[in-house]
Every structure is written in structure tokens, then in C-alpha cells.
PDB file of N, CA and C in Angstrom:
ATOM      1  N   MET A   1     -28.017 -44.802   4.199  1.00  0.00           N
ATOM      2  CA  MET A   1     -28.648 -43.295   3.527  1.00  0.00           C
ATOM      3  C   MET A   1     -27.245 -42.904   3.244  1.00  0.00           C
ATOM      4  N   ARG A   2     -27.712 -41.700   2.667  1.00  0.00           N
ATOM      5  CA  ARG A   2     -25.863 -41.366   2.234  1.00  0.00           C
ATOM      6  C   ARG A   2     -25.702 -39.680   3.403  1.00  0.00           C
ATOM      7  N   GLY A   3     -24.678 -39.664   2.966  1.00  0.00           N
ATOM      8  CA  GLY A   3     -24.554 -38.095   4.332  1.00  0.00           C
ATOM      9  C   GLY A   3     -24.174 -37.485   3.056  1.00  0.00           C
ATOM     10  N   LYS A   4     -24.014 -35.841   4.036  1.00  0.00           N
ATOM     11  CA  LYS A   4     -23.347 -34.893   2.884  1.00  0.00           C
ATOM     12  C   LYS A   4     -22.769 -35.143   2.307  1.00  0.00           C
ATOM     13  N   ASP A   5     -21.925 -35.584   2.724  1.00  0.00           N
ATOM     14  CA  ASP A   5     -20.100 -35.560   2.276  1.00  0.00           C
ATOM     15  C   ASP A   5     -20.161 -36.811   0.920  1.00  0.00           C
ATOM     16  N   GLY A   6     -21.600 -37.362   0.849  1.00  0.00           N
ATOM     17  CA  GLY A   6     -22.033 -38.718  -0.194  1.00  0.00           C
ATOM     18  C   GLY A   6     -21.113 -40.177  -0.327  1.00  0.00           C
ATOM     19  N   GLN A   7     -20.803 -40.419   1.652  1.00  0.00           N
ATOM     20  CA  GLN A   7     -20.320 -41.020   2.056  1.00  0.00           C
ATOM     21  C   GLN A   7     -21.923 -42.394   2.269  1.00  0.00           C
ATOM     22  N   TYR A   8     -21.836 -43.039   2.759  1.00  0.00           N
ATOM     23  CA  TYR A   8     -23.000 -44.154   2.884  1.00  0.00           C
ATOM     24  C   TYR A   8     -22.466 -43.986   4.557  1.00  0.00           C
ATOM     25  N   ARG A   9     -23.439 -43.423   4.911  1.00  0.00           N
ATOM     26  CA  ARG A   9     -23.485 -44.047   6.305  1.00  0.00           C
ATOM     27  C   ARG A   9     -24.930 -44.625   7.298  1.00  0.00           C
ATOM     28  N   PRO A  10     -24.287 -45.126   8.867  1.00  0.00           N
ATOM     29  CA  PRO A  10     -25.554 -45.807   9.785  1.00  0.00           C
ATOM     30  C   PRO A  10     -27.158 -44.984   9.857  1.00  0.00           C
ATOM     31  N   PHE A  11     -27.982 -45.023   9.729  1.00  0.00           N
ATOM     32  CA  PHE A  11     -29.331 -43.576   9.739  1.00  0.00           C
ATOM     33  C   PHE A  11     -30.169 -44.575  10.724  1.00  0.00           C
ATOM     34  N   LEU A  12     -30.393 -43.945  11.661  1.00  0.00           N
ATOM     35  CA  LEU A  12     -31.498 -44.182  12.737  1.00  0.00           C
ATOM     36  C   LEU A  12     -32.790 -43.310  12.121  1.00  0.00           C
ATOM     37  N   THR A  13     -33.982 -44.237  11.563  1.00  0.00           N
ATOM     38  CA  THR A  13     -35.113 -43.440  11.119  1.00  0.00           C
ATOM     39  C   THR A  13     -36.385 -43.765  10.916  1.00  0.00           C
ATOM     40  N   ARG A  14     -37.095 -42.865  11.635  1.00  0.00           N
ATOM     41  CA  ARG A  14     -37.931 -43.102  12.630  1.00  0.00           C
ATOM     42  C   ARG A  14     -39.339 -42.646  11.208  1.00  0.00           C
ATOM     43  N   ALA A  15     -40.126 -43.087  11.309  1.00  0.00           N
ATOM     44  CA  ALA A  15     -41.663 -42.341  10.014  1.00  0.00           C
ATOM     45  C   ALA A  15     -43.058 -42.617  10.481  1.00  0.00           C
ATOM     46  N   VAL A  16     -43.789 -41.791  10.570  1.00  0.00           N
ATOM     47  CA  VAL A  16     -45.012 -42.070  11.376  1.00  0.00           C
ATOM     48  C   VAL A  16     -46.026 -41.653  10.260  1.00  0.00           C
ATOM     49  N   PRO A  17     -47.265 -42.246   9.700  1.00  0.00           N
ATOM     50  CA  PRO A  17     -48.359 -41.768   8.410  1.00  0.00           C
ATOM     51  C   PRO A  17     -48.577 -40.531   9.482  1.00  0.00           C
ATOM     52  N   LEU A  18     -49.241 -39.980   7.810  1.00  0.00           N
ATOM     53  CA  LEU A  18     -49.980 -38.317   8.403  1.00  0.00           C
ATOM     54  C   LEU A  18     -50.992 -38.694   8.364  1.00  0.00           C
ATOM     55  N   ARG A  19     -52.554 -38.657   8.345  1.00  0.00           N
ATOM     56  CA  ARG A  19     -53.617 -39.218   8.311  1.00  0.00           C
ATOM     57  C   ARG A  19     -55.260 -37.577   9.436  1.00  0.00           C
ATOM     58  N   ASN A  20     -56.010 -38.228   7.949  1.00  0.00           N
ATOM     59  CA  ASN A  20     -57.241 -37.133   8.137  1.00  0.00           C
ATOM     60  C   ASN A  20     -57.889 -37.265   8.798  1.00  0.00           C
ATOM     61  N   SER A  21     -59.317 -36.634   9.305  1.00  0.00           N
ATOM     62  CA  SER A  21     -60.065 -37.613   9.884  1.00  0.00           C
ATOM     63  C   SER A  21     -60.591 -38.668   9.883  1.00  0.00           C
ATOM     64  N   ALA A  22     -60.765 -38.932   8.287  1.00  0.00           N
ATOM     65  CA  ALA A  22     -61.556 -39.677   7.910  1.00  0.00           C
ATOM     66  C   ALA A  22     -60.705 -40.617   8.382  1.00  0.00           C
ATOM     67  N   GLY A  23     -59.045 -41.141   8.768  1.00  0.00           N
ATOM     68  CA  GLY A  23     -58.136 -42.058   8.981  1.00  0.00           C
ATOM     69  C   GLY A  23     -57.065 -42.410   7.969  1.00  0.00           C
ATOM     70  N   ALA A  24     -57.674 -42.065   6.590  1.00  0.00           N
ATOM     71  CA  ALA A  24     -56.530 -41.448   5.631  1.00  0.00           C
ATOM     72  C   ALA A  24     -55.174 -41.413   5.698  1.00  0.00           C
ATOM     73  N   VAL A  25     -53.998 -42.202   4.891  1.00  0.00           N
ATOM     74  CA  VAL A  25     -52.731 -41.414   5.309  1.00  0.00           C
ATOM     75  C   VAL A  25     -52.788 -40.292   3.639  1.00  0.00           C
ATOM     76  N   TYR A  26     -51.926 -39.381   4.214  1.00  0.00           N
ATOM     77  CA  TYR A  26     -52.442 -38.187   3.470  1.00  0.00           C
ATOM     78  C   TYR A  26     -50.485 -37.967   3.135  1.00  0.00           C
ATOM     79  N   GLY A  27     -49.925 -38.745   4.259  1.00  0.00           N
ATOM     80  CA  GLY A  27     -48.682 -38.377   3.860  1.00  0.00           C
ATOM     81  C   GLY A  27     -47.592 -38.974   5.211  1.00  0.00           C
ATOM     82  N   TRP A  28     -46.385 -38.297   5.178  1.00  0.00           N
ATOM     83  CA  TRP A  28     -45.709 -38.350   5.931  1.00  0.00           C
ATOM     84  C   TRP A  28     -44.830 -37.773   7.268  1.00  0.00           C
ATOM     85  N   ILE A  29     -43.783 -38.031   7.923  1.00  0.00           N
ATOM     86  CA  ILE A  29     -43.391 -37.491   8.780  1.00  0.00           C
ATOM     87  C   ILE A  29     -42.110 -38.642   9.373  1.00  0.00           C
ATOM     88  N   GLY A  30     -40.880 -37.906   9.032  1.00  0.00           N
ATOM     89  CA  GLY A  30     -40.488 -38.379   9.977  1.00  0.00           C
ATOM     90  C   GLY A  30     -38.782 -37.622   9.983  1.00  0.00           C
ATOM     91  N   THR A  31     -37.476 -38.726  11.164  1.00  0.00           N
ATOM     92  CA  THR A  31     -36.842 -37.675  11.414  1.00  0.00           C
ATOM     93  C   THR A  31     -35.402 -38.991  10.366  1.00  0.00           C
ATOM     94  N   HIS A  32     -34.404 -38.825  10.328  1.00  0.00           N
ATOM     95  CA  HIS A  32     -32.981 -39.622   9.875  1.00  0.00           C
ATOM     96  C   HIS A  32     -32.108 -38.817  10.503  1.00  0.00           C
ATOM     97  N   ILE A  33     -31.477 -39.779  11.801  1.00  0.00           N
ATOM     98  CA  ILE A  33     -30.427 -39.562  11.649  1.00  0.00           C
ATOM     99  C   ILE A  33     -29.070 -39.857  12.402  1.00  0.00           C
ATOM    100  N   ASP A  34     -28.113 -39.988  12.313  1.00  0.00           N
ATOM    101  CA  ASP A  34     -26.634 -39.948  11.722  1.00  0.00           C
ATOM    102  C   ASP A  34     -26.175 -40.784  12.818  1.00  0.00           C
ATOM    103  N   ILE A  35     -25.827 -41.453  12.823  1.00  0.00           N
ATOM    104  CA  ILE A  35     -25.826 -42.945  13.489  1.00  0.00           C
ATOM    105  C   ILE A  35     -24.073 -43.088  14.075  1.00  0.00           C
ATOM    106  N   SER A  36     -23.300 -42.492  12.614  1.00  0.00           N
ATOM    107  CA  SER A  36     -22.165 -43.311  12.873  1.00  0.00           C
ATOM    108  C   SER A  36     -20.880 -43.171  13.864  1.00  0.00           C
ATOM    109  N   GLU A  37     -21.016 -42.223  14.854  1.00  0.00           N
ATOM    110  CA  GLU A  37     -20.520 -41.909  15.455  1.00  0.00           C
ATOM    111  C   GLU A  37     -20.772 -42.801  17.168  1.00  0.00           C
ATOM    112  N   ARG A  38     -21.741 -43.218  17.017  1.00  0.00           N
ATOM    113  CA  ARG A  38     -21.968 -44.372  18.131  1.00  0.00           C
ATOM    114  C   ARG A  38     -22.226 -45.761  17.904  1.00  0.00           C
ATOM    115  N   LYS A  39     -22.277 -45.761  16.321  1.00  0.00           N
ATOM    116  CA  LYS A  39     -21.371 -47.020  15.881  1.00  0.00           C
ATOM    117  C   LYS A  39     -19.967 -46.974  16.149  1.00  0.00           C
ATOM    118  N   ARG A  40     -19.003 -46.376  15.833  1.00  0.00           N
ATOM    119  CA  ARG A  40     -18.310 -45.815  15.894  1.00  0.00           C
ATOM    120  C   ARG A  40     -17.583 -46.066  17.079  1.00  0.00           C
ATOM    121  N   GLY A  41     -18.309 -45.721  18.289  1.00  0.00           N
ATOM    122  CA  GLY A  41     -17.601 -45.614  19.859  1.00  0.00           C
ATOM    123  C   GLY A  41     -18.271 -47.241  19.952  1.00  0.00           C
ATOM    124  N   GLU A  42     -19.157 -47.840  19.324  1.00  0.00           N
ATOM    125  CA  GLU A  42     -19.635 -49.153  19.514  1.00  0.00           C
ATOM    126  C   GLU A  42     -18.575 -50.543  19.166  1.00  0.00           C
ATOM    127  N   GLN A  43     -17.904 -49.223  17.780  1.00  0.00           N
ATOM    128  CA  GLN A  43     -17.508 -50.651  17.442  1.00  0.00           C
ATOM    129  C   GLN A  43     -15.977 -51.269  18.517  1.00  0.00           C
ATOM    130  N   GLU A  44     -15.395 -49.140  18.672  1.00  0.00           N
ATOM    131  CA  GLU A  44     -14.515 -48.913  20.077  1.00  0.00           C
ATOM    132  C   GLU A  44     -14.031 -50.027  21.014  1.00  0.00           C
ATOM    133  N   ILE A  45     -15.834 -50.294  21.305  1.00  0.00           N
ATOM    134  CA  ILE A  45     -15.918 -50.388  22.920  1.00  0.00           C
ATOM    135  C   ILE A  45     -15.863 -52.109  22.698  1.00  0.00           C
ATOM    136  N   ARG A  46     -16.634 -52.846  21.550  1.00  0.00           N
ATOM    137  CA  ARG A  46     -15.982 -54.267  20.942  1.00  0.00           C
ATOM    138  C   ARG A  46     -14.395 -54.392  20.965  1.00  0.00           C
ATOM    139  N   SER A  47     -13.581 -53.811  20.463  1.00  0.00           N
ATOM    140  CA  SER A  47     -12.041 -54.156  19.801  1.00  0.00           C
ATOM    141  C   SER A  47     -11.919 -53.461  21.218  1.00  0.00           C
ATOM    142  N   ALA A  48     -11.934 -52.672  22.207  1.00  0.00           N
ATOM    143  CA  ALA A  48     -11.445 -52.416  24.102  1.00  0.00           C
ATOM    144  C   ALA A  48     -11.940 -53.565  25.011  1.00  0.00           C
ATOM    145  N   ARG A  49     -12.831 -54.418  24.849  1.00  0.00           N
ATOM    146  CA  ARG A  49     -13.506 -55.586  25.300  1.00  0.00           C
ATOM    147  C   ARG A  49     -12.804 -56.731  24.734  1.00  0.00           C
ATOM    148  N   ASP A  50     -12.503 -56.675  23.675  1.00  0.00           N
ATOM    149  CA  ASP A  50     -12.078 -57.966  23.392  1.00  0.00           C
ATOM    150  C   ASP A  50     -10.924 -58.274  24.135  1.00  0.00           C
ATOM    151  N   ALA A  51      -9.570 -56.905  23.888  1.00  0.00           N
ATOM    152  CA  ALA A  51      -8.476 -56.773  24.540  1.00  0.00           C
ATOM    153  C   ALA A  51      -7.956 -57.249  25.610  1.00  0.00           C
ATOM    154  N   ALA A  52      -8.739 -56.453  26.557  1.00  0.00           N
ATOM    155  CA  ALA A  52      -9.089 -57.085  28.264  1.00  0.00           C
ATOM    156  C   ALA A  52      -9.511 -58.664  28.275  1.00  0.00           C
ATOM    157  N   GLU A  53     -10.293 -58.859  27.727  1.00  0.00           N
ATOM    158  CA  GLU A  53     -10.977 -60.093  27.391  1.00  0.00           C
ATOM    159  C   GLU A  53      -8.961 -60.855  27.442  1.00  0.00           C
ATOM    160  N   GLY A  54      -8.768 -60.887  26.470  1.00  0.00           N
ATOM    161  CA  GLY A  54      -7.041 -61.311  25.642  1.00  0.00           C
ATOM    162  C   GLY A  54      -6.378 -60.953  26.877  1.00  0.00           C
ATOM    163  N   ALA A  55      -6.188 -60.377  27.333  1.00  0.00           N
ATOM    164  CA  ALA A  55      -4.842 -59.978  28.574  1.00  0.00           C
ATOM    165  C   ALA A  55      -5.342 -60.779  29.481  1.00  0.00           C
ATOM    166  N   LEU A  56      -7.113 -60.994  30.290  1.00  0.00           N
ATOM    167  CA  LEU A  56      -7.316 -61.413  31.222  1.00  0.00           C
ATOM    168  C   LEU A  56      -6.819 -63.120  30.950  1.00  0.00           C
ATOM    169  N   ARG A  57      -7.058 -63.634  29.878  1.00  0.00           N
ATOM    170  CA  ARG A  57      -6.849 -64.976  29.390  1.00  0.00           C
ATOM    171  C   ARG A  57      -5.325 -65.148  29.196  1.00  0.00           C
ATOM    172  N   ASN A  58      -4.500 -64.266  29.220  1.00  0.00           N
ATOM    173  CA  ASN A  58      -2.673 -64.029  29.416  1.00  0.00           C
ATOM    174  C   ASN A  58      -2.243 -64.089  30.739  1.00  0.00           C
ATOM    175  N   LEU A  59      -3.074 -63.796  31.481  1.00  0.00           N
ATOM    176  CA  LEU A  59      -2.483 -63.407  32.941  1.00  0.00           C
ATOM    177  C   LEU A  59      -3.012 -64.310  33.738  1.00  0.00           C
ATOM    178  N   ARG A  60      -4.543 -65.386  33.668  1.00  0.00           N
ATOM    179  CA  ARG A  60      -4.567 -66.790  34.317  1.00  0.00           C
ATOM    180  C   ARG A  60      -3.738 -67.363  33.279  1.00  0.00           C
ATOM    181  N   GLU A  61      -3.533 -67.925  32.360  1.00  0.00           N
ATOM    182  CA  GLU A  61      -2.463 -68.587  31.463  1.00  0.00           C
ATOM    183  C   GLU A  61      -1.480 -68.808  32.957  1.00  0.00           C
ATOM    184  N   THR A  62      -1.027 -67.583  32.173  1.00  0.00           N
ATOM    185  CA  THR A  62       0.798 -67.386  33.569  1.00  0.00           C
ATOM    186  C   THR A  62       0.822 -67.691  35.256  1.00  0.00           C
ATOM    187  N   GLN A  63      -0.053 -67.213  35.707  1.00  0.00           N
ATOM    188  CA  GLN A  63      -0.900 -67.511  36.879  1.00  0.00           C
ATOM    189  C   GLN A  63      -1.107 -68.797  36.894  1.00  0.00           C
ATOM    190  N   ASN A  64      -1.367 -69.091  36.832  1.00  0.00           N
ATOM    191  CA  ASN A  64      -1.632 -70.921  36.290  1.00  0.00           C
ATOM    192  C   ASN A  64       0.177 -71.462  36.745  1.00  0.00           C
ATOM    193  N   SER A  65       0.827 -71.156  35.761  1.00  0.00           N
ATOM    194  CA  SER A  65       2.182 -71.494  34.911  1.00  0.00           C
ATOM    195  C   SER A  65       2.530 -71.096  35.914  1.00  0.00           C
ATOM    196  N   LEU A  66       3.262 -70.630  36.563  1.00  0.00           N
ATOM    197  CA  LEU A  66       3.448 -70.230  38.300  1.00  0.00           C
ATOM    198  C   LEU A  66       3.333 -70.770  39.064  1.00  0.00           C
ATOM    199  N   ILE A  67       1.740 -70.566  38.621  1.00  0.00           N
ATOM    200  CA  ILE A  67       1.539 -72.047  40.769  1.00  0.00           C
ATOM    201  C   ILE A  67       1.881 -72.824  40.517  1.00  0.00           C
ATOM    202  N   GLU A  68       2.327 -73.578  38.686  1.00  0.00           N
ATOM    203  CA  GLU A  68       2.807 -74.646  38.604  1.00  0.00           C
ATOM    204  C   GLU A  68       4.484 -74.696  39.100  1.00  0.00           C
ATOM    205  N   THR A  69       4.657 -74.114  38.307  1.00  0.00           N
ATOM    206  CA  THR A  69       6.475 -74.494  38.993  1.00  0.00           C
ATOM    207  C   THR A  69       6.803 -73.422  40.504  1.00  0.00           C
ATOM    208  N   GLU A  70       5.814 -72.840  41.232  1.00  0.00           N
ATOM    209  CA  GLU A  70       6.019 -72.816  43.086  1.00  0.00           C
ATOM    210  C   GLU A  70       5.851 -74.360  43.071  1.00  0.00           C
ATOM    211  N   LYS A  71       4.488 -74.802  43.140  1.00  0.00           N
ATOM    212  CA  LYS A  71       4.631 -76.016  43.081  1.00  0.00           C
ATOM    213  C   LYS A  71       5.508 -77.382  42.948  1.00  0.00           C
ATOM    214  N   LEU A  72       6.268 -77.510  41.613  1.00  0.00           N
ATOM    215  CA  LEU A  72       7.280 -78.031  41.173  1.00  0.00           C
ATOM    216  C   LEU A  72       9.031 -78.036  42.460  1.00  0.00           C
ATOM    217  N   ALA A  73       9.186 -75.982  42.534  1.00  0.00           N
ATOM    218  CA  ALA A  73       9.919 -76.191  42.734  1.00  0.00           C
ATOM    219  C   ALA A  73      10.108 -76.036  44.484  1.00  0.00           C
ATOM    220  N   ALA A  74       8.322 -76.562  45.122  1.00  0.00           N
ATOM    221  CA  ALA A  74       8.324 -77.015  46.607  1.00  0.00           C
ATOM    222  C   ALA A  74       8.372 -78.239  46.142  1.00  0.00           C
ATOM    223  N   LEU A  75       8.020 -78.713  45.303  1.00  0.00           N
ATOM    224  CA  LEU A  75       8.474 -80.424  45.338  1.00  0.00           C
ATOM    225  C   LEU A  75      10.155 -80.580  45.711  1.00  0.00           C
ATOM    226  N   GLY A  76      10.185 -79.929  44.903  1.00  0.00           N
ATOM    227  CA  GLY A  76      12.135 -79.846  44.793  1.00  0.00           C
ATOM    228  C   GLY A  76      12.681 -79.890  45.774  1.00  0.00           C
ATOM    229  N   ARG A  77      12.211 -78.487  46.638  1.00  0.00           N
ATOM    230  CA  ARG A  77      12.535 -78.464  47.399  1.00  0.00           C
ATOM    231  C   ARG A  77      12.666 -79.946  49.331  1.00  0.00           C
ATOM    232  N   LEU A  78      11.824 -80.166  49.438  1.00  0.00           N
ATOM    233  CA  LEU A  78      10.789 -81.422  49.933  1.00  0.00           C
ATOM    234  C   LEU A  78      11.246 -82.432  49.594  1.00  0.00           C
ATOM    235  N   VAL A  79      11.754 -82.515  48.428  1.00  0.00           N
ATOM    236  CA  VAL A  79      12.598 -84.329  47.309  1.00  0.00           C
ATOM    237  C   VAL A  79      14.194 -83.979  48.036  1.00  0.00           C
ATOM    238  N   ALA A  80      14.221 -82.668  48.052  1.00  0.00           N
ATOM    239  CA  ALA A  80      15.626 -82.738  48.682  1.00  0.00           C
ATOM    240  C   ALA A  80      16.291 -82.319  49.725  1.00  0.00           C
ATOM    241  N   GLY A  81      15.318 -82.099  50.502  1.00  0.00           N
ATOM    242  CA  GLY A  81      15.873 -82.324  52.329  1.00  0.00           C
ATOM    243  C   GLY A  81      15.533 -83.458  52.700  1.00  0.00           C
ATOM    244  N   VAL A  82      14.189 -84.523  52.054  1.00  0.00           N
ATOM    245  CA  VAL A  82      14.187 -85.838  52.327  1.00  0.00           C
ATOM    246  C   VAL A  82      16.014 -86.454  51.898  1.00  0.00           C
ATOM    247  N   ARG A  83      15.938 -86.191  50.631  1.00  0.00           N
ATOM    248  CA  ARG A  83      17.757 -87.123  50.327  1.00  0.00           C
ATOM    249  C   ARG A  83      18.417 -87.226  51.433  1.00  0.00           C
ATOM    250  N   MET A  84      18.866 -85.111  51.921  1.00  0.00           N
ATOM    251  CA  MET A  84      19.290 -84.767  52.373  1.00  0.00           C
ATOM    252  C   MET A  84      19.735 -85.560  54.321  1.00  0.00           C
ATOM    253  N   ARG A  85      18.811 -85.913  54.597  1.00  0.00           N
ATOM    254  CA  ARG A  85      18.250 -86.640  56.138  1.00  0.00           C
ATOM    255  C   ARG A  85      18.365 -88.087  56.490  1.00  0.00           C
ATOM    256  N   SER A  86      18.109 -88.141  54.744  1.00  0.00           N
ATOM    257  CA  SER A  86      18.320 -90.184  54.648  1.00  0.00           C
ATOM    258  C   SER A  86      19.743 -89.683  53.951  1.00  0.00           C
ATOM    259  N   ILE A  87      20.999 -89.671  54.310  1.00  0.00           N
ATOM    260  CA  ILE A  87      21.617 -89.892  53.993  1.00  0.00           C
ATOM    261  C   ILE A  87      22.862 -90.010  55.132  1.00  0.00           C
ATOM    262  N   PRO A  88      23.446 -90.563  55.830  1.00  0.00           N
ATOM    263  CA  PRO A  88      24.705 -90.732  56.995  1.00  0.00           C
ATOM    264  C   PRO A  88      25.523 -89.548  56.327  1.00  0.00           C
ATOM    265  N   ARG A  89      25.668 -88.866  58.123  1.00  0.00           N
ATOM    266  CA  ARG A  89      26.353 -87.171  57.632  1.00  0.00           C
ATOM    267  C   ARG A  89      28.198 -88.269  57.476  1.00  0.00           C
ATOM    268  N   TRP A  90      27.947 -89.092  57.826  1.00  0.00           N
ATOM    269  CA  TRP A  90      29.633 -89.515  57.709  1.00  0.00           C
ATOM    270  C   TRP A  90      29.682 -89.920  56.451  1.00  0.00           C
ATOM    271  N   ALA A  91      28.734 -90.333  55.806  1.00  0.00           N
ATOM    272  CA  ALA A  91      28.714 -90.001  54.331  1.00  0.00           C
ATOM    273  C   ALA A  91      29.396 -89.006  53.709  1.00  0.00           C
ATOM    274  N   THR A  92      28.861 -87.385  53.843  1.00  0.00           N
ATOM    275  CA  THR A  92      28.800 -86.587  53.455  1.00  0.00           C
ATOM    276  C   THR A  92      30.098 -85.867  53.415  1.00  0.00           C
ATOM    277  N   ALA A  93      31.158 -86.371  54.353  1.00  0.00           N
ATOM    278  CA  ALA A  93      31.420 -85.449  54.397  1.00  0.00           C
ATOM    279  C   ALA A  93      33.189 -85.818  54.519  1.00  0.00           C
TER     280      ALA A  93
END
């Protein structure tokens, strides 16, 4: 529907028939509620949710990368320690 300003907007429309004693419809009564603010709010919520999900994915990827880096660093320290112990002391002096 078109709003008072001439712009098309989403409206929630409800209508019920008016019936006489015989059950015949002689008119209708209804309401039209402008729900453009609600729709705008829903879109903002969807956008915020998408941004939060993207940030969470990025955080998880970074965390996994840091875990792998720490594993490699620990392995490097272990290998360096084993290598230093296997070299005789007289050879390093």
C-alpha cells in the first residue's frame, strides 16, 4: 500500500466481513497498520546477526591458526632440545 507521503510501504492488513442476521455479507471492516519500522528493525537485526556470525567465524579461524602456530613452536622447542642433548658437549665448545 501507499503511505500518506505517497511512498509504498509494507502494511499489515486485517479485514472481516459484516453480516446481517441471515448471514449475508453487507460490508467489510478492517485495519491497515504501517509496519515499515518493524521491517526496517528486522533487517537491522539480520544485518547485525550476519556481522556477528562473520566476526565469530573470523575469531575461530584466528584461534585455530594460533593453536597450530603454538603447536609448531612447541614442536620446534622440543626438537631443538633433543638435538642439543644429542650433540656431545665437547663438540659445542
